[in-house]
C-alpha atoms as a PDB file:
ATOM      1  CA  UNK A   1     293.504  28.378-269.062  1.00  0.00           C
ATOM      2  CA  UNK A   2     296.043  31.090-268.334  1.00  0.00           C
ATOM      3  CA  UNK A   3     294.155  33.639-270.421  1.00  0.00           C
ATOM      4  CA  UNK A   4     290.913  32.919-268.584  1.00  0.00           C
ATOM      5  CA  UNK A   5     292.668  33.435-265.255  1.00  0.00           C
ATOM      6  CA  UNK A   6     294.328  36.663-266.363  1.00  0.00           C
ATOM      7  CA  UNK A   7     291.009  37.988-267.734  1.00  0.00           C
ATOM      8  CA  UNK A   8     289.286  37.101-264.457  1.00  0.00           C
ATOM      9  CA  UNK A   9     292.077  38.803-262.518  1.00  0.00           C
ATOM     10  CA  UNK A  10     291.810  41.908-264.701  1.00  0.00           C
ATOM     11  CA  UNK A  11     288.042  42.016-264.274  1.00  0.00           C
ATOM     12  CA  UNK A  12     288.413  41.659-260.499  1.00  0.00           C
ATOM     13  CA  UNK A  13     290.975  44.484-260.383  1.00  0.00           C
ATOM     14  CA  UNK A  14     288.727  46.739-262.461  1.00  0.00           C
ATOM     15  CA  UNK A  15     285.766  45.966-260.193  1.00  0.00           C
ATOM     16  CA  UNK A  16     287.832  46.747-257.095  1.00  0.00           C
ATOM     17  CA  UNK A  17     288.992  50.011-258.639  1.00  0.00           C
ATOM     18  CA  UNK A  18     285.435  51.049-259.524  1.00  0.00           C
ATOM     19  CA  UNK A  19     283.976  50.095-256.150  1.00  0.00           C
ATOM     20  CA  UNK A  20     286.909  51.653-254.308  1.00  0.00           C
ATOM     21  CA  UNK A  21     286.502  54.960-256.111  1.00  0.00           C
ATOM     22  CA  UNK A  22     282.770  55.152-255.479  1.00  0.00           C
ATOM     23  CA  UNK A  23     281.850  56.850-252.232  1.00  0.00           C
ATOM     24  CA  UNK A  24     278.514  57.228-250.584  1.00  0.00           C
ATOM     25  CA  UNK A  25     277.467  60.850-250.686  1.00  0.00           C
ATOM     26  CA  UNK A  26     276.593  61.959-247.156  1.00  0.00           C
ATOM     27  CA  UNK A  27     276.163  65.419-245.817  1.00  0.00           C
ATOM     28  CA  UNK A  28     278.574  66.821-243.290  1.00  0.00           C
ATOM     29  CA  UNK A  29     277.155  68.128-240.013  1.00  0.00           C
ATOM     30  CA  UNK A  30     278.518  71.542-241.075  1.00  0.00           C
ATOM     31  CA  UNK A  31     276.012  71.468-243.948  1.00  0.00           C
ATOM     32  CA  UNK A  32     273.183  72.170-241.489  1.00  0.00           C
ATOM     33  CA  UNK A  33     272.189  75.403-239.792  1.00  0.00           C
ATOM     34  CA  UNK A  34     269.356  76.899-237.802  1.00  0.00           C
ATOM     35  CA  UNK A  35     267.640  80.025-239.129  1.00  0.00           C
ATOM     36  CA  UNK A  36     265.111  82.272-237.417  1.00  0.00           C
ATOM     37  CA  UNK A  37     261.863  82.641-239.324  1.00  0.00           C
ATOM     38  CA  UNK A  38     261.356  86.059-237.678  1.00  0.00           C
ATOM     39  CA  UNK A  39     264.305  87.908-236.062  1.00  0.00           C
ATOM     40  CA  UNK A  40     262.125  90.181-233.893  1.00  0.00           C
ATOM     41  CA  UNK A  41     259.559  89.539-231.189  1.00  0.00           C
ATOM     42  CA  UNK A  42     257.468  91.724-228.909  1.00  0.00           C
ATOM     43  CA  UNK A  43     258.418  92.001-225.241  1.00  0.00           C
ATOM     44  CA  UNK A  44     256.121  89.887-223.072  1.00  0.00           C
ATOM     45  CA  UNK A  45     255.162  86.436-221.853  1.00  0.00           C
ATOM     46  CA  UNK A  46     254.417  83.356-223.940  1.00  0.00           C
ATOM     47  CA  UNK A  47     255.976  84.601-227.181  1.00  0.00           C
ATOM     48  CA  UNK A  48     256.549  82.024-229.900  1.00  0.00           C
ATOM     49  CA  UNK A  49     259.911  81.841-231.659  1.00  0.00           C
ATOM     50  CA  UNK A  50     260.201  79.592-234.707  1.00  0.00           C
ATOM     51  CA  UNK A  51     263.447  78.353-236.207  1.00  0.00           C
ATOM     52  CA  UNK A  52     264.111  76.154-239.196  1.00  0.00           C
ATOM     53  CA  UNK A  53     266.853  73.586-239.468  1.00  0.00           C
ATOM     54  CA  UNK A  54     268.137  73.834-243.043  1.00  0.00           C
ATOM     55  CA  UNK A  55     270.425  71.637-245.110  1.00  0.00           C
ATOM     56  CA  UNK A  56     272.612  74.359-246.661  1.00  0.00           C
ATOM     57  CA  UNK A  57     273.559  72.251-249.699  1.00  0.00           C
ATOM     58  CA  UNK A  58     269.955  71.542-250.722  1.00  0.00           C
ATOM     59  CA  UNK A  59     268.232  74.543-249.114  1.00  0.00           C
ATOM     60  CA  UNK A  60     265.544  72.215-247.738  1.00  0.00           C
ATOM     61  CA  UNK A  61     264.246  72.057-244.154  1.00  0.00           C
ATOM     62  CA  UNK A  62     265.299  69.041-242.089  1.00  0.00           C
ATOM     63  CA  UNK A  63     262.445  67.363-240.189  1.00  0.00           C
ATOM     64  CA  UNK A  64     262.743  65.058-237.173  1.00  0.00           C
ATOM     65  CA  UNK A  65     265.919  66.495-235.656  1.00  0.00           C
ATOM     66  CA  UNK A  66     266.332  65.862-231.943  1.00  0.00           C
ATOM     67  CA  UNK A  67     266.721  69.164-230.105  1.00  0.00           C
ATOM     68  CA  UNK A  68     268.764  68.417-226.993  1.00  0.00           C
ATOM     69  CA  UNK A  69     269.877  71.854-225.830  1.00  0.00           C
ATOM     70  CA  UNK A  70     268.080  75.169-225.592  1.00  0.00           C
ATOM     71  CA  UNK A  71     268.996  78.379-223.805  1.00  0.00           C
ATOM     72  CA  UNK A  72     267.711  81.925-224.145  1.00  0.00           C
ATOM     73  CA  UNK A  73     269.646  84.772-222.545  1.00  0.00           C
ATOM     74  CA  UNK A  74     270.736  88.345-223.166  1.00  0.00           C
ATOM     75  CA  UNK A  75     274.314  87.394-223.985  1.00  0.00           C
ATOM     76  CA  UNK A  76     274.072  89.381-227.240  1.00  0.00           C
ATOM     77  CA  UNK A  77     273.761  92.533-225.101  1.00  0.00           C
ATOM     78  CA  UNK A  78     276.527  91.487-222.690  1.00  0.00           C
ATOM     79  CA  UNK A  79     274.188  90.083-220.008  1.00  0.00           C
ATOM     80  CA  UNK A  80     274.384  86.277-220.288  1.00  0.00           C
ATOM     81  CA  UNK A  81     273.216  85.958-216.667  1.00  0.00           C
ATOM     82  CA  UNK A  82     269.850  87.450-217.742  1.00  0.00           C
ATOM     83  CA  UNK A  83     268.207  84.243-218.947  1.00  0.00           C
ATOM     84  CA  UNK A  84     264.642  83.065-219.292  1.00  0.00           C
ATOM     85  CA  UNK A  85     262.816  79.779-219.499  1.00  0.00           C
ATOM     86  CA  UNK A  86     262.248  78.363-222.979  1.00  0.00           C
ATOM     87  CA  UNK A  87     259.936  75.459-223.797  1.00  0.00           C
ATOM     88  CA  UNK A  88     259.575  73.470-227.018  1.00  0.00           C
ATOM     89  CA  UNK A  89     256.078  73.805-228.493  1.00  0.00           C
ATOM     90  CA  UNK A  90     254.412  71.179-230.676  1.00  0.00           C
ATOM     91  CA  UNK A  91     253.258  71.858-234.211  1.00  0.00           C
ATOM     92  CA  UNK A  92     254.669  73.727-237.130  1.00  0.00           C
ATOM     93  CA  UNK A  93     255.837  72.761-240.577  1.00  0.00           C
ATOM     94  CA  UNK A  94     258.295  69.874-241.097  1.00  0.00           C
ATOM     95  CA  UNK A  95     261.774  71.190-240.392  1.00  0.00           C
ATOM     96  CA  UNK A  96     260.414  74.047-238.245  1.00  0.00           C
ATOM     97  CA  UNK A  97     260.828  74.022-234.489  1.00  0.00           C
ATOM     98  CA  UNK A  98     258.729  76.260-232.235  1.00  0.00           C
ATOM     99  CA  UNK A  99     259.634  77.525-228.774  1.00  0.00           C
ATOM    100  CA  UNK A 100     257.670  79.528-226.208  1.00  0.00           C
ATOM    101  CA  UNK A 101     259.509  81.999-223.999  1.00  0.00           C
ATOM    102  CA  UNK A 102     259.068  85.136-221.934  1.00  0.00           C
ATOM    103  CA  UNK A 103     260.991  88.168-223.158  1.00  0.00           C
ATOM    104  CA  UNK A 104     261.103  90.319-220.025  1.00  0.00           C
ATOM    105  CA  UNK A 105     262.862  93.331-221.488  1.00  0.00           C
ATOM    106  CA  UNK A 106     263.840  95.004-224.732  1.00  0.00           C
ATOM    107  CA  UNK A 107     267.137  94.110-226.276  1.00  0.00           C
ATOM    108  CA  UNK A 108     268.990  91.386-228.118  1.00  0.00           C
ATOM    109  CA  UNK A 109     268.495  87.859-226.861  1.00  0.00           C
ATOM    110  CA  UNK A 110     270.679  84.895-227.791  1.00  0.00           C
ATOM    111  CA  UNK A 111     268.922  81.613-228.557  1.00  0.00           C
ATOM    112  CA  UNK A 112     271.418  78.754-228.232  1.00  0.00           C
ATOM    113  CA  UNK A 113     270.390  75.444-229.765  1.00  0.00           C
ATOM    114  CA  UNK A 114     271.889  71.992-230.084  1.00  0.00           C
ATOM    115  CA  UNK A 115     270.427  69.245-232.265  1.00  0.00           C
ATOM    116  CA  UNK A 116     271.132  65.805-233.654  1.00  0.00           C
ATOM    117  CA  UNK A 117     270.246  65.167-237.284  1.00  0.00           C
ATOM    118  CA  UNK A 118     269.044  61.653-238.056  1.00  0.00           C
ATOM    119  CA  UNK A 119     271.739  59.648-239.858  1.00  0.00           C
ATOM    120  CA  UNK A 120     274.556  62.127-239.188  1.00  0.00           C
ATOM    121  CA  UNK A 121     277.386  62.025-236.693  1.00  0.00           C
ATOM    122  CA  UNK A 122     278.042  65.051-234.547  1.00  0.00           C
ATOM    123  CA  UNK A 123     275.593  67.753-233.613  1.00  0.00           C
ATOM    124  CA  UNK A 124     274.406  71.063-234.999  1.00  0.00           C
ATOM    125  CA  UNK A 125     275.059  73.932-232.612  1.00  0.00           C
ATOM    126  CA  UNK A 126     273.851  77.426-233.224  1.00  0.00           C
ATOM    127  CA  UNK A 127     273.489  80.826-231.559  1.00  0.00           C
ATOM    128  CA  UNK A 128     270.795  83.051-233.040  1.00  0.00           C
ATOM    129  CA  UNK A 129     270.066  86.642-232.069  1.00  0.00           C
ATOM    130  CA  UNK A 130     266.456  87.687-231.529  1.00  0.00           C
ATOM    131  CA  UNK A 131     265.579  91.343-230.969  1.00  0.00           C
ATOM    132  CA  UNK A 132     262.777  92.024-228.466  1.00  0.00           C
ATOM    133  CA  UNK A 133     260.927  95.316-228.974  1.00  0.00           C
ATOM    134  CA  UNK A 134     258.040  96.981-227.157  1.00  0.00           C
END
């Protein structure tokens, strides 16, 4: 009887050790980043800017993120007060996010984005520089 109990206790301890050492592999919010598909755009109205949200560990695009913050200004050229309206556009490949904006002058524009990735805590925040040329 004692040997059965001690074997059961040993088996339980081994099971606890195995389960306790196993962790669920989840990505960290720092494993995600936005990337511009094209870093330059022509000056003018209704220009489309496309970014991809990438999982840096897998290199794959991340679809269905919730974009909750967008701003486009000339902060990269020291003029953050020079901002323009930016609107999310439908369409594009999974993991790609399209925006329409007016680039009123040449220079470097900063696109600031914030997004939530499904199943992750925290948010992805990014500042990307787009160069507007004539």
